Structures are given as structure tokens and as C-alpha cells.
N, C-alpha and C. Protein backbone atom coordinates (compact mmCIF):
# COMPACT_ATOMS: atom_id res chain seq x y z
N MET A 1 -60.75 -55.70 -18.49
CA MET A 1 -60.91 -56.11 -16.91
C MET A 1 -60.20 -57.07 -16.53
N GLU A 2 -59.34 -56.90 -15.55
CA GLU A 2 -58.29 -57.83 -15.33
C GLU A 2 -58.97 -58.75 -14.24
N ILE A 3 -58.79 -60.03 -14.51
CA ILE A 3 -59.59 -61.10 -13.71
C ILE A 3 -58.53 -61.56 -12.47
N THR A 4 -58.76 -61.69 -11.25
CA THR A 4 -57.45 -62.10 -10.34
C THR A 4 -57.65 -63.72 -10.08
N LYS A 5 -56.86 -64.31 -9.56
CA LYS A 5 -56.67 -65.69 -9.31
C LYS A 5 -58.05 -66.01 -8.22
N THR A 6 -58.04 -65.12 -7.21
CA THR A 6 -59.04 -65.07 -6.20
C THR A 6 -60.48 -65.28 -7.08
N GLN A 7 -60.81 -64.16 -7.86
CA GLN A 7 -61.91 -64.29 -8.59
C GLN A 7 -62.39 -65.50 -9.42
N ARG A 8 -61.15 -66.35 -9.98
CA ARG A 8 -61.52 -67.26 -10.80
C ARG A 8 -61.90 -68.57 -9.77
N GLU A 9 -61.04 -68.54 -8.63
CA GLU A 9 -61.28 -69.64 -7.65
C GLU A 9 -62.81 -69.67 -7.33
N GLN A 10 -63.18 -68.34 -6.94
CA GLN A 10 -64.66 -68.29 -6.37
C GLN A 10 -65.69 -68.43 -7.55
N ALA A 11 -65.32 -68.24 -8.55
CA ALA A 11 -66.19 -68.64 -9.85
C ALA A 11 -66.30 -70.02 -10.14
N GLU A 12 -65.11 -70.86 -9.86
CA GLU A 12 -65.04 -71.96 -10.07
C GLU A 12 -65.81 -72.93 -8.87
N GLU A 13 -65.94 -72.04 -7.61
CA GLU A 13 -66.58 -73.00 -6.47
C GLU A 13 -68.18 -72.70 -6.85
N ARG A 14 -68.51 -71.68 -7.57
CA ARG A 14 -70.02 -71.55 -7.89
C ARG A 14 -70.40 -72.28 -9.20
N ALA A 15 -69.32 -72.89 -9.95
CA ALA A 15 -69.53 -73.33 -11.37
C ALA A 15 -70.50 -74.40 -11.50
N SER A 16 -71.36 -74.42 -12.38
CA SER A 16 -72.34 -75.51 -12.70
C SER A 16 -71.57 -76.75 -13.23
N GLU A 17 -72.17 -77.98 -13.16
CA GLU A 17 -71.35 -79.16 -13.59
C GLU A 17 -70.69 -78.95 -14.87
N VAL A 18 -71.78 -78.43 -15.89
CA VAL A 18 -71.16 -78.44 -17.18
C VAL A 18 -69.94 -77.27 -17.41
N GLN A 19 -69.96 -76.26 -16.51
CA GLN A 19 -68.84 -75.24 -16.43
C GLN A 19 -67.66 -76.13 -15.84
N LEU A 20 -67.70 -76.80 -14.93
CA LEU A 20 -66.72 -77.73 -14.16
C LEU A 20 -66.09 -78.38 -15.26
N ARG A 21 -67.10 -79.22 -15.84
CA ARG A 21 -66.61 -80.29 -16.96
C ARG A 21 -65.59 -79.57 -18.20
N LEU A 22 -66.04 -78.39 -18.46
CA LEU A 22 -65.37 -77.69 -19.40
C LEU A 22 -63.90 -77.03 -18.93
N TYR A 23 -64.13 -76.67 -17.75
CA TYR A 23 -63.01 -75.88 -17.11
C TYR A 23 -61.98 -76.64 -16.33
N ALA A 24 -62.31 -77.85 -16.00
CA ALA A 24 -61.35 -78.68 -15.18
C ALA A 24 -61.09 -80.22 -15.59
N GLU A 25 -61.92 -80.73 -16.55
CA GLU A 25 -61.90 -82.21 -16.82
C GLU A 25 -60.63 -82.16 -17.83
N PRO A 26 -59.81 -83.56 -17.50
CA PRO A 26 -58.70 -83.72 -18.74
C PRO A 26 -59.15 -83.68 -20.21
N GLU A 27 -60.50 -84.19 -20.13
CA GLU A 27 -60.80 -84.53 -21.64
C GLU A 27 -61.03 -83.29 -22.37
N ALA A 28 -61.72 -82.24 -21.55
CA ALA A 28 -61.74 -80.79 -22.15
C ALA A 28 -60.28 -79.98 -22.36
N GLY A 29 -59.56 -80.35 -21.38
CA GLY A 29 -58.13 -80.05 -21.46
C GLY A 29 -57.37 -80.47 -22.91
N GLU A 30 -57.67 -81.59 -22.84
CA GLU A 30 -57.13 -82.18 -24.29
C GLU A 30 -57.71 -81.51 -25.51
N GLN A 31 -59.31 -81.33 -25.62
CA GLN A 31 -59.79 -80.74 -26.56
C GLN A 31 -59.12 -79.26 -26.74
N LEU A 32 -59.11 -78.49 -25.80
CA LEU A 32 -58.44 -77.25 -25.77
C LEU A 32 -56.93 -77.38 -26.32
N TRP A 33 -56.26 -78.27 -25.88
CA TRP A 33 -54.98 -78.35 -26.57
C TRP A 33 -54.82 -78.70 -27.81
N ASN A 34 -55.62 -79.37 -28.30
CA ASN A 34 -55.79 -79.62 -29.75
C ASN A 34 -56.08 -78.48 -30.53
N ILE A 35 -56.98 -77.65 -30.05
CA ILE A 35 -57.34 -76.31 -30.82
C ILE A 35 -56.01 -75.70 -30.64
N ALA A 36 -55.41 -75.33 -29.70
CA ALA A 36 -54.11 -74.63 -29.46
C ALA A 36 -53.11 -75.06 -30.82
N ARG A 37 -52.91 -76.40 -30.78
CA ARG A 37 -52.06 -76.95 -31.77
C ARG A 37 -52.52 -76.46 -33.16
N LYS A 38 -53.58 -76.69 -33.54
CA LYS A 38 -54.22 -76.38 -34.79
C LYS A 38 -53.91 -74.95 -35.11
N PHE A 39 -53.90 -74.24 -34.29
CA PHE A 39 -53.75 -72.52 -34.50
C PHE A 39 -52.18 -72.24 -34.17
N SER A 40 -51.25 -73.28 -33.78
CA SER A 40 -49.87 -72.80 -33.32
C SER A 40 -49.85 -72.00 -32.06
N LEU A 41 -50.68 -72.26 -31.25
CA LEU A 41 -50.75 -71.38 -29.72
C LEU A 41 -50.18 -72.35 -28.77
N THR A 42 -49.04 -73.06 -29.06
CA THR A 42 -48.69 -74.17 -28.07
C THR A 42 -47.46 -73.60 -27.13
N GLU A 43 -46.89 -72.27 -27.69
CA GLU A 43 -45.86 -71.76 -26.94
C GLU A 43 -46.34 -71.45 -25.39
N ARG A 44 -45.50 -71.76 -24.34
CA ARG A 44 -46.06 -71.63 -23.14
C ARG A 44 -47.06 -70.53 -22.67
N ASN A 45 -46.24 -69.06 -22.91
CA ASN A 45 -47.16 -67.90 -22.70
C ASN A 45 -48.38 -67.76 -23.47
N THR A 46 -48.34 -68.32 -24.78
CA THR A 46 -49.35 -68.14 -25.51
C THR A 46 -50.36 -69.08 -25.38
N TYR A 47 -49.90 -70.25 -25.10
CA TYR A 47 -51.03 -71.23 -24.65
C TYR A 47 -51.60 -70.73 -23.45
N TYR A 48 -50.94 -70.29 -22.17
CA TYR A 48 -51.45 -69.81 -21.05
C TYR A 48 -52.52 -68.73 -21.22
N THR A 49 -52.39 -67.87 -22.19
CA THR A 49 -53.16 -66.60 -22.49
C THR A 49 -54.44 -67.26 -23.03
N PHE A 50 -54.20 -68.09 -24.33
CA PHE A 50 -55.40 -68.79 -24.72
C PHE A 50 -56.15 -69.49 -23.85
N SER A 51 -55.78 -70.53 -22.95
CA SER A 51 -56.59 -71.13 -22.00
C SER A 51 -57.15 -70.54 -21.09
N GLN A 52 -56.63 -69.37 -20.60
CA GLN A 52 -57.18 -68.40 -19.85
C GLN A 52 -58.37 -67.72 -20.30
N LEU A 53 -58.12 -67.25 -21.54
CA LEU A 53 -59.12 -66.58 -22.38
C LEU A 53 -60.41 -67.55 -22.41
N VAL A 54 -60.27 -68.75 -22.82
CA VAL A 54 -61.36 -69.71 -22.76
C VAL A 54 -62.11 -70.11 -21.53
N GLY A 55 -61.08 -70.27 -20.57
CA GLY A 55 -61.56 -70.52 -19.21
C GLY A 55 -62.52 -69.48 -18.62
N ASP A 56 -61.91 -68.19 -18.83
CA ASP A 56 -62.72 -66.95 -18.37
C ASP A 56 -64.17 -67.10 -19.07
N VAL A 57 -64.32 -67.19 -20.25
CA VAL A 57 -65.63 -67.45 -20.86
C VAL A 57 -66.53 -68.49 -20.06
N VAL A 58 -65.83 -69.77 -20.02
CA VAL A 58 -66.56 -70.78 -19.33
C VAL A 58 -66.99 -70.49 -17.96
N LEU A 59 -66.22 -69.71 -17.08
CA LEU A 59 -66.68 -69.42 -15.86
C LEU A 59 -67.79 -68.28 -15.97
N GLY A 60 -68.10 -67.50 -16.95
CA GLY A 60 -68.84 -66.35 -17.16
C GLY A 60 -68.29 -65.17 -16.77
N PHE A 61 -67.22 -64.97 -16.92
CA PHE A 61 -66.59 -63.71 -16.85
C PHE A 61 -66.62 -62.72 -18.12
N TYR A 62 -66.75 -63.49 -19.34
CA TYR A 62 -66.99 -62.92 -20.49
C TYR A 62 -68.16 -63.82 -21.40
N LYS A 63 -68.81 -62.86 -22.10
CA LYS A 63 -69.95 -63.61 -22.87
C LYS A 63 -69.35 -64.25 -24.08
N GLN A 64 -70.01 -65.20 -24.74
CA GLN A 64 -69.46 -65.86 -25.96
C GLN A 64 -69.46 -64.88 -26.99
N SER A 65 -70.23 -63.93 -26.92
CA SER A 65 -70.13 -63.01 -28.22
C SER A 65 -68.95 -61.93 -28.14
N ASP A 66 -68.32 -62.07 -27.02
CA ASP A 66 -67.20 -61.38 -26.85
C ASP A 66 -65.86 -61.95 -27.51
N ILE A 67 -65.84 -63.32 -27.68
CA ILE A 67 -64.56 -64.06 -28.04
C ILE A 67 -63.96 -63.40 -29.03
N ASP A 68 -64.51 -62.85 -30.36
CA ASP A 68 -63.64 -62.24 -31.29
C ASP A 68 -62.91 -61.08 -30.93
N ALA A 69 -63.60 -60.35 -29.96
CA ALA A 69 -62.90 -59.03 -29.33
C ALA A 69 -61.65 -59.51 -28.40
N LEU A 70 -61.77 -60.54 -27.50
CA LEU A 70 -60.92 -61.20 -26.82
C LEU A 70 -59.65 -61.73 -27.51
N ILE A 71 -59.91 -62.37 -28.63
CA ILE A 71 -58.79 -63.01 -29.35
C ILE A 71 -58.28 -62.01 -30.06
N ALA A 72 -58.76 -60.89 -30.59
CA ALA A 72 -58.01 -59.79 -31.21
C ALA A 72 -57.18 -58.89 -29.97
N ASN A 73 -57.80 -58.84 -28.59
CA ASN A 73 -56.92 -58.21 -27.71
C ASN A 73 -55.88 -59.07 -27.07
N LYS A 74 -56.19 -60.30 -26.90
CA LYS A 74 -55.18 -60.94 -26.15
C LYS A 74 -54.42 -61.98 -26.94
N LEU A 75 -54.69 -62.25 -28.28
CA LEU A 75 -53.90 -63.02 -29.43
C LEU A 75 -53.90 -62.33 -30.39
N PRO A 76 -53.12 -61.28 -30.42
CA PRO A 76 -53.14 -60.32 -31.76
C PRO A 76 -52.55 -60.97 -33.03
N GLN A 77 -51.70 -62.00 -32.66
CA GLN A 77 -50.92 -62.77 -33.65
C GLN A 77 -52.12 -63.65 -34.74
N VAL A 78 -53.05 -63.90 -33.96
CA VAL A 78 -54.14 -64.47 -34.63
C VAL A 78 -55.03 -63.63 -35.44
N GLN A 79 -54.97 -63.47 -36.74
CA GLN A 79 -55.75 -62.47 -37.62
C GLN A 79 -56.50 -63.22 -38.67
N GLY A 80 -57.40 -62.49 -39.26
CA GLY A 80 -58.15 -62.60 -40.41
C GLY A 80 -58.91 -63.97 -40.31
N ALA A 81 -58.77 -64.72 -41.40
CA ALA A 81 -59.71 -66.06 -41.59
C ALA A 81 -59.14 -67.02 -40.42
N GLN A 82 -58.00 -67.05 -39.96
CA GLN A 82 -57.50 -67.65 -38.80
C GLN A 82 -58.35 -67.41 -37.55
N ARG A 83 -58.46 -66.01 -37.28
CA ARG A 83 -59.23 -65.61 -35.86
C ARG A 83 -60.80 -65.98 -36.35
N ILE A 84 -61.33 -65.99 -37.33
CA ILE A 84 -62.60 -66.52 -37.45
C ILE A 84 -62.69 -67.92 -37.10
N SER A 85 -62.00 -68.80 -37.74
CA SER A 85 -61.69 -70.09 -37.51
C SER A 85 -61.39 -70.30 -36.08
N LEU A 86 -60.47 -69.82 -35.39
CA LEU A 86 -60.49 -70.14 -34.17
C LEU A 86 -61.51 -69.74 -33.13
N GLU A 87 -62.06 -68.70 -33.33
CA GLU A 87 -63.42 -68.21 -32.83
C GLU A 87 -64.35 -69.56 -33.00
N ALA A 88 -64.70 -70.11 -34.01
CA ALA A 88 -65.55 -71.00 -34.38
C ALA A 88 -65.19 -72.08 -33.63
N ASP A 89 -64.12 -72.67 -33.44
CA ASP A 89 -63.72 -73.67 -32.64
C ASP A 89 -63.96 -73.58 -31.27
N ILE A 90 -63.57 -72.46 -30.90
CA ILE A 90 -63.93 -72.18 -29.38
C ILE A 90 -65.35 -72.27 -29.05
N LYS A 91 -66.12 -71.81 -29.97
CA LYS A 91 -67.62 -71.73 -29.86
C LYS A 91 -68.13 -73.21 -29.78
N ILE A 92 -67.71 -73.98 -30.67
CA ILE A 92 -68.00 -75.30 -30.54
C ILE A 92 -67.59 -76.11 -29.40
N PHE A 93 -66.32 -75.78 -28.90
CA PHE A 93 -65.73 -76.07 -27.58
C PHE A 93 -66.89 -75.85 -26.48
N LEU A 94 -67.16 -74.64 -26.49
CA LEU A 94 -68.22 -74.12 -25.48
C LEU A 94 -69.68 -74.38 -25.69
N TYR A 95 -69.88 -75.25 -26.69
CA TYR A 95 -71.48 -75.38 -26.97
C TYR A 95 -72.13 -76.02 -25.82
N PRO A 96 -71.45 -77.03 -25.03
CA PRO A 96 -72.17 -77.48 -23.97
C PRO A 96 -72.78 -76.53 -22.73
N LEU A 97 -72.17 -75.19 -23.00
CA LEU A 97 -72.77 -74.20 -22.10
C LEU A 97 -74.26 -73.87 -22.43
N THR A 98 -74.42 -73.82 -23.75
CA THR A 98 -75.76 -73.33 -24.23
C THR A 98 -76.86 -74.50 -24.40
N ASP A 99 -76.25 -75.88 -24.53
CA ASP A 99 -77.05 -76.98 -24.76
C ASP A 99 -76.21 -78.08 -23.89
N PRO A 100 -76.76 -78.26 -22.30
CA PRO A 100 -75.98 -79.03 -21.53
C PRO A 100 -76.04 -80.66 -21.83
N THR A 101 -77.21 -81.01 -22.76
CA THR A 101 -77.39 -82.23 -23.27
C THR A 101 -76.40 -82.70 -24.26
N TYR A 102 -75.84 -81.73 -25.04
CA TYR A 102 -74.86 -81.86 -26.08
C TYR A 102 -73.47 -82.80 -25.81
N VAL A 103 -73.27 -83.85 -26.45
CA VAL A 103 -72.01 -84.53 -26.02
C VAL A 103 -71.03 -84.50 -27.51
N ALA A 104 -70.00 -83.75 -27.15
CA ALA A 104 -68.85 -83.74 -28.15
C ALA A 104 -68.60 -85.06 -28.92
N PRO A 105 -68.33 -85.06 -30.23
CA PRO A 105 -67.99 -86.38 -30.87
C PRO A 105 -66.79 -86.99 -30.44
N GLY A 106 -66.96 -88.12 -30.03
CA GLY A 106 -65.85 -88.78 -29.47
C GLY A 106 -65.77 -88.83 -27.91
N VAL A 107 -66.75 -88.22 -27.35
CA VAL A 107 -67.01 -88.18 -25.75
C VAL A 107 -67.99 -89.36 -25.54
N THR A 108 -67.90 -90.04 -24.61
CA THR A 108 -68.85 -91.21 -24.08
C THR A 108 -69.94 -90.31 -23.66
N ALA A 109 -71.26 -90.44 -24.07
CA ALA A 109 -72.38 -89.84 -23.45
C ALA A 109 -72.96 -90.51 -22.00
N PRO A 110 -73.46 -89.66 -21.33
CA PRO A 110 -73.94 -90.21 -19.98
C PRO A 110 -75.15 -91.22 -20.23
N GLU A 111 -75.49 -91.91 -19.49
CA GLU A 111 -76.55 -93.00 -19.74
C GLU A 111 -77.91 -92.09 -19.86
N ALA A 112 -78.54 -92.39 -20.99
CA ALA A 112 -79.63 -91.82 -21.58
C ALA A 112 -80.80 -92.33 -20.94
N PRO A 113 -81.79 -91.35 -20.60
CA PRO A 113 -82.98 -91.85 -20.07
C PRO A 113 -83.73 -92.86 -21.10
N SER A 114 -84.56 -93.65 -20.38
CA SER A 114 -85.23 -94.47 -21.24
C SER A 114 -86.41 -94.05 -21.98
N VAL A 115 -87.08 -93.00 -21.57
CA VAL A 115 -87.94 -92.37 -22.21
C VAL A 115 -87.36 -91.88 -23.71
N PRO A 116 -87.99 -92.22 -24.66
CA PRO A 116 -87.56 -91.88 -26.23
C PRO A 116 -87.80 -90.43 -26.21
N SER A 117 -86.80 -89.79 -26.80
CA SER A 117 -87.08 -88.19 -27.01
C SER A 117 -87.03 -87.71 -28.56
N ALA A 118 -87.70 -86.72 -28.85
CA ALA A 118 -87.50 -86.33 -30.12
C ALA A 118 -86.04 -85.85 -30.78
N PRO A 119 -85.54 -86.14 -31.73
CA PRO A 119 -84.08 -86.05 -32.13
C PRO A 119 -83.84 -84.40 -32.13
N GLN A 120 -82.52 -84.20 -31.61
CA GLN A 120 -82.41 -82.84 -31.31
C GLN A 120 -80.97 -82.50 -32.41
N SER A 121 -81.20 -81.23 -32.83
CA SER A 121 -80.26 -80.77 -33.87
C SER A 121 -79.24 -80.13 -33.15
N THR A 122 -77.89 -80.37 -33.35
CA THR A 122 -76.84 -79.51 -32.62
C THR A 122 -76.34 -78.55 -33.48
N ALA A 123 -76.76 -78.28 -34.61
CA ALA A 123 -76.42 -77.27 -35.57
C ALA A 123 -76.90 -75.79 -35.09
N ARG A 124 -75.90 -74.94 -35.16
CA ARG A 124 -76.31 -73.66 -34.64
C ARG A 124 -76.18 -72.79 -36.16
N PRO A 125 -77.33 -72.01 -36.29
CA PRO A 125 -77.16 -71.24 -37.74
C PRO A 125 -76.00 -70.14 -37.70
N GLU A 126 -75.94 -69.31 -36.55
CA GLU A 126 -74.97 -68.31 -36.58
C GLU A 126 -73.47 -68.94 -36.72
N LEU A 127 -73.12 -70.23 -36.24
CA LEU A 127 -72.06 -70.84 -36.33
C LEU A 127 -71.93 -71.21 -37.67
N SER A 128 -72.63 -71.74 -38.47
CA SER A 128 -72.94 -72.30 -39.72
C SER A 128 -72.46 -71.08 -40.66
N ALA A 129 -73.07 -69.81 -40.22
CA ALA A 129 -72.76 -68.67 -41.13
C ALA A 129 -71.41 -68.11 -40.87
N GLU A 130 -70.89 -68.41 -39.51
CA GLU A 130 -69.28 -67.95 -39.39
C GLU A 130 -68.53 -68.99 -40.05
N ILE A 131 -68.84 -70.19 -40.11
CA ILE A 131 -67.72 -71.21 -40.77
C ILE A 131 -67.92 -71.03 -42.41
N LYS A 132 -68.95 -70.83 -42.96
CA LYS A 132 -69.09 -70.35 -44.43
C LYS A 132 -68.34 -69.38 -44.58
N GLU A 133 -68.27 -68.12 -43.82
CA GLU A 133 -67.47 -66.92 -44.15
C GLU A 133 -66.11 -67.34 -43.98
N ALA A 134 -65.60 -67.97 -43.18
CA ALA A 134 -64.12 -68.40 -43.05
C ALA A 134 -63.77 -69.28 -44.22
N GLU A 135 -64.72 -70.29 -44.63
CA GLU A 135 -64.26 -70.85 -45.67
C GLU A 135 -64.13 -70.03 -47.10
N ARG A 136 -65.13 -69.07 -47.04
CA ARG A 136 -65.07 -68.16 -48.33
C ARG A 136 -63.69 -67.47 -48.26
N GLU A 137 -63.22 -66.93 -46.99
CA GLU A 137 -61.93 -66.16 -46.85
C GLU A 137 -60.88 -66.95 -47.15
N LEU A 138 -61.08 -68.22 -46.75
CA LEU A 138 -59.70 -69.37 -47.11
C LEU A 138 -59.65 -69.47 -48.46
N GLU A 139 -60.78 -69.51 -49.46
CA GLU A 139 -60.57 -69.95 -50.78
C GLU A 139 -60.13 -68.64 -51.44
N GLU A 140 -60.17 -67.47 -50.93
CA GLU A 140 -59.40 -66.14 -51.27
C GLU A 140 -58.08 -66.15 -51.34
N VAL A 141 -57.47 -67.00 -50.26
CA VAL A 141 -55.98 -67.08 -50.09
C VAL A 141 -55.28 -67.84 -51.31
N GLN A 142 -54.20 -67.11 -51.70
CA GLN A 142 -53.63 -67.49 -52.81
C GLN A 142 -52.66 -68.80 -52.38
N SER A 143 -52.93 -69.95 -53.40
CA SER A 143 -52.21 -71.05 -52.93
C SER A 143 -50.86 -71.12 -53.19
N ILE A 144 -49.89 -71.99 -52.44
CA ILE A 144 -48.54 -71.86 -52.45
C ILE A 144 -48.03 -72.56 -53.79
N ARG A 145 -47.00 -71.90 -54.38
CA ARG A 145 -46.68 -72.71 -55.55
C ARG A 145 -45.70 -73.51 -55.21
N THR A 146 -45.79 -74.66 -55.81
CA THR A 146 -44.82 -76.04 -55.54
C THR A 146 -44.67 -76.52 -56.91
N MET A 147 -43.44 -77.20 -56.83
CA MET A 147 -43.22 -78.01 -58.09
C MET A 147 -43.96 -78.76 -58.74
N ALA A 148 -44.78 -79.53 -57.84
CA ALA A 148 -45.94 -80.27 -58.53
C ALA A 148 -46.99 -79.65 -59.15
N SER A 149 -47.40 -78.30 -58.72
CA SER A 149 -48.33 -77.62 -59.51
C SER A 149 -47.74 -77.01 -60.55
N ASP A 150 -46.24 -76.63 -60.67
CA ASP A 150 -45.61 -76.03 -61.78
C ASP A 150 -45.45 -77.30 -62.87
N MET A 151 -45.27 -78.37 -62.53
CA MET A 151 -45.17 -79.63 -63.42
C MET A 151 -46.57 -79.81 -64.07
N LYS A 152 -47.79 -79.68 -63.47
CA LYS A 152 -49.10 -79.81 -64.03
C LYS A 152 -49.19 -78.72 -65.05
N GLU A 153 -48.73 -77.55 -64.88
CA GLU A 153 -48.90 -76.48 -65.83
C GLU A 153 -47.91 -76.64 -66.91
N ALA A 154 -47.04 -77.20 -66.86
CA ALA A 154 -45.80 -77.34 -67.66
C ALA A 154 -45.91 -78.70 -68.79
N GLN A 155 -46.93 -79.55 -68.46
CA GLN A 155 -47.18 -80.56 -69.13
C GLN A 155 -47.19 -80.50 -70.73
N HIS A 156 -47.81 -79.23 -71.12
CA HIS A 156 -47.93 -79.14 -72.58
C HIS A 156 -46.65 -78.54 -73.23
N MET A 157 -45.90 -78.06 -72.36
CA MET A 157 -44.58 -77.43 -72.84
C MET A 157 -43.38 -78.37 -73.30
N PRO A 158 -42.66 -78.25 -74.25
CA PRO A 158 -41.39 -79.30 -74.64
C PRO A 158 -40.64 -78.97 -73.69
N THR A 159 -39.83 -80.07 -73.30
CA THR A 159 -38.50 -80.04 -72.41
C THR A 159 -37.40 -80.52 -73.59
N TYR A 160 -36.10 -79.93 -72.86
CA TYR A 160 -35.01 -80.04 -73.85
C TYR A 160 -34.07 -80.87 -72.83
N THR A 161 -33.23 -81.69 -73.24
CA THR A 161 -32.03 -82.24 -72.60
C THR A 161 -30.66 -81.99 -73.37
N SER A 162 -29.71 -82.19 -72.56
CA SER A 162 -28.43 -81.71 -72.89
C SER A 162 -27.49 -82.40 -72.03
N SER A 163 -26.31 -82.57 -72.48
CA SER A 163 -25.28 -83.18 -71.64
C SER A 163 -24.26 -82.04 -71.38
N GLN A 164 -23.20 -82.50 -70.48
CA GLN A 164 -22.45 -81.39 -70.27
C GLN A 164 -21.40 -81.04 -71.51
N ASP A 165 -21.11 -82.17 -72.13
CA ASP A 165 -20.24 -82.00 -73.35
C ASP A 165 -21.17 -80.84 -74.35
N ASP A 166 -22.41 -81.22 -74.24
CA ASP A 166 -23.12 -80.15 -75.26
C ASP A 166 -23.06 -78.72 -74.87
N LEU A 167 -23.01 -78.47 -73.47
CA LEU A 167 -22.76 -77.25 -72.98
C LEU A 167 -21.28 -76.59 -73.11
N ILE A 168 -20.32 -77.55 -72.91
CA ILE A 168 -18.99 -76.99 -73.17
C ILE A 168 -18.65 -76.81 -74.54
N ARG A 169 -18.89 -77.92 -75.55
CA ARG A 169 -18.31 -77.84 -76.86
C ARG A 169 -19.63 -78.28 -77.66
N PRO A 170 -20.55 -77.05 -77.87
CA PRO A 170 -21.60 -77.11 -79.01
C PRO A 170 -21.17 -77.82 -80.27
N SER A 171 -22.02 -79.03 -80.47
CA SER A 171 -21.80 -79.74 -81.75
C SER A 171 -22.25 -78.73 -83.05
N THR A 172 -22.00 -79.22 -84.10
CA THR A 172 -22.54 -78.55 -85.22
C THR A 172 -24.01 -78.71 -85.62
N THR A 173 -24.53 -79.83 -85.08
CA THR A 173 -25.99 -79.97 -85.27
C THR A 173 -26.72 -79.19 -84.30
N SER A 174 -26.24 -78.71 -83.11
CA SER A 174 -27.07 -78.10 -82.15
C SER A 174 -27.10 -76.62 -82.54
N ALA A 175 -28.11 -75.82 -82.03
CA ALA A 175 -28.28 -74.44 -82.12
C ALA A 175 -27.34 -73.88 -81.02
N PRO A 176 -26.64 -72.58 -81.47
CA PRO A 176 -25.94 -71.94 -80.65
C PRO A 176 -26.97 -71.69 -79.27
N LEU A 177 -26.10 -71.35 -78.05
CA LEU A 177 -26.92 -71.07 -77.00
C LEU A 177 -27.50 -69.79 -76.91
N SER A 178 -26.79 -68.87 -77.58
CA SER A 178 -27.35 -67.55 -77.75
C SER A 178 -27.16 -67.08 -79.15
N THR A 179 -28.06 -66.26 -79.75
CA THR A 179 -27.56 -65.61 -81.12
C THR A 179 -27.41 -64.00 -80.89
N GLY A 180 -27.31 -63.55 -79.64
CA GLY A 180 -26.99 -62.08 -79.52
C GLY A 180 -25.55 -62.00 -79.32
N PRO A 181 -25.11 -60.76 -78.74
CA PRO A 181 -23.70 -60.55 -78.49
C PRO A 181 -22.99 -61.44 -77.53
N ARG A 182 -21.77 -62.05 -78.01
CA ARG A 182 -21.22 -63.06 -77.15
C ARG A 182 -19.71 -62.36 -76.61
N TRP A 183 -19.53 -62.90 -75.32
CA TRP A 183 -18.10 -62.48 -74.69
C TRP A 183 -17.09 -63.51 -75.04
N GLU A 184 -16.28 -63.14 -75.62
CA GLU A 184 -15.11 -64.12 -75.88
C GLU A 184 -13.97 -64.02 -75.13
N THR A 185 -13.48 -64.93 -74.59
CA THR A 185 -12.30 -64.77 -73.78
C THR A 185 -10.97 -64.66 -74.52
N ASP A 186 -10.78 -65.29 -75.68
CA ASP A 186 -9.58 -65.15 -76.31
C ASP A 186 -9.64 -64.27 -77.53
N SER A 187 -10.09 -63.09 -77.25
CA SER A 187 -10.41 -61.93 -78.44
C SER A 187 -9.09 -61.29 -78.85
N HIS A 188 -8.04 -61.46 -78.32
CA HIS A 188 -6.66 -60.89 -78.71
C HIS A 188 -5.86 -61.70 -79.44
N SER A 189 -6.39 -62.79 -80.09
CA SER A 189 -5.53 -63.76 -80.93
C SER A 189 -5.73 -63.20 -82.32
């Protein structure tokens, strides 16, 4: 379904306070930009597609349950565990739509009512399951081989040193570099 600019403007006019906060506030834009940076979606056209995708969910054109399919369709470069992690971050960003009293970490909460209320849990079981699945998939990814990891593995192995002179003119105390056939340059003498 292709959504027009006019449809978005009409939806913005009808939007709730929470939807407007997520759709138009600079703080929400900064949060969205941070998510885009985390997943390397900062190239102009890619970010536009990403922010439009999230904005369309905020305005109610798509359900939150459609996010995975939307990412697969509109951002095909995001795949596997990265797509699961991106979906989880988007759902965390959108959480105020399901719980308007939720305040994201680092955001100043509005003045609380003076009547004490029971503590509310902001944990969502389906999000926890998705995060655990993403972590499990990330653990299966092979780590990058680095010089530091090679050095840790090689601590028990002996090391050898030599000088340039040893390589050019082997001494009588050192073993020959090779015991196999050798190519000699002055074989005509």
C-alpha cells in the first residue's frame, strides 16, 4: 500500500498526543536517528525510507506486528539477526503507543500525579523473547580473527628470532632453512 503525503498530513491532524510526540518531536527524531546510526541507515535515501516506515507505523497506517515484513520489503539490506534487532529497537521506540504512561530512559517525565500508584512493569514478554532470539543468533556469528586473538592462542608456541645476517649467511651453528631440494644460482661452476 502506497501512502501519499496528503494521507500522512490528514493522519497527523487526527493523531493523538502520544502519536504526535513520536512523529514530530525533536527528541523522538533524535532517538530515531540514533537507531538509524546503529544499523548504518544514515545514507539520505535509506534514512528517508526508514523514518517513513517508522512514521507510518506511528500514524497507524501499519500495525506494529507488520514491522518485520516492512523492514524486509523496504530495507532489504537489513537481514538476519540485524533485522530482528532493528525490529526490537523500533518496537521499543514505539512502546509509548501501547503504554502512554511509559517514559523512555533519559527523557524527562511529565509531572506525576500526587496519588501514589502501584509500580508498573515496562517489560514486555514478546519483546524479551525477540531480544533473546537475536542474542542467540548473534552468538552463532563467528568472531573476527584479530592479531590479539592469534597472540592469545599462540602463547604456548615457541617463537624464533633471527637477524638479516642469519638469513643471508647462515652460520654453522644454525640449522639450514630447508632440508629439502634447493635451487642454487651458481650451479655451473
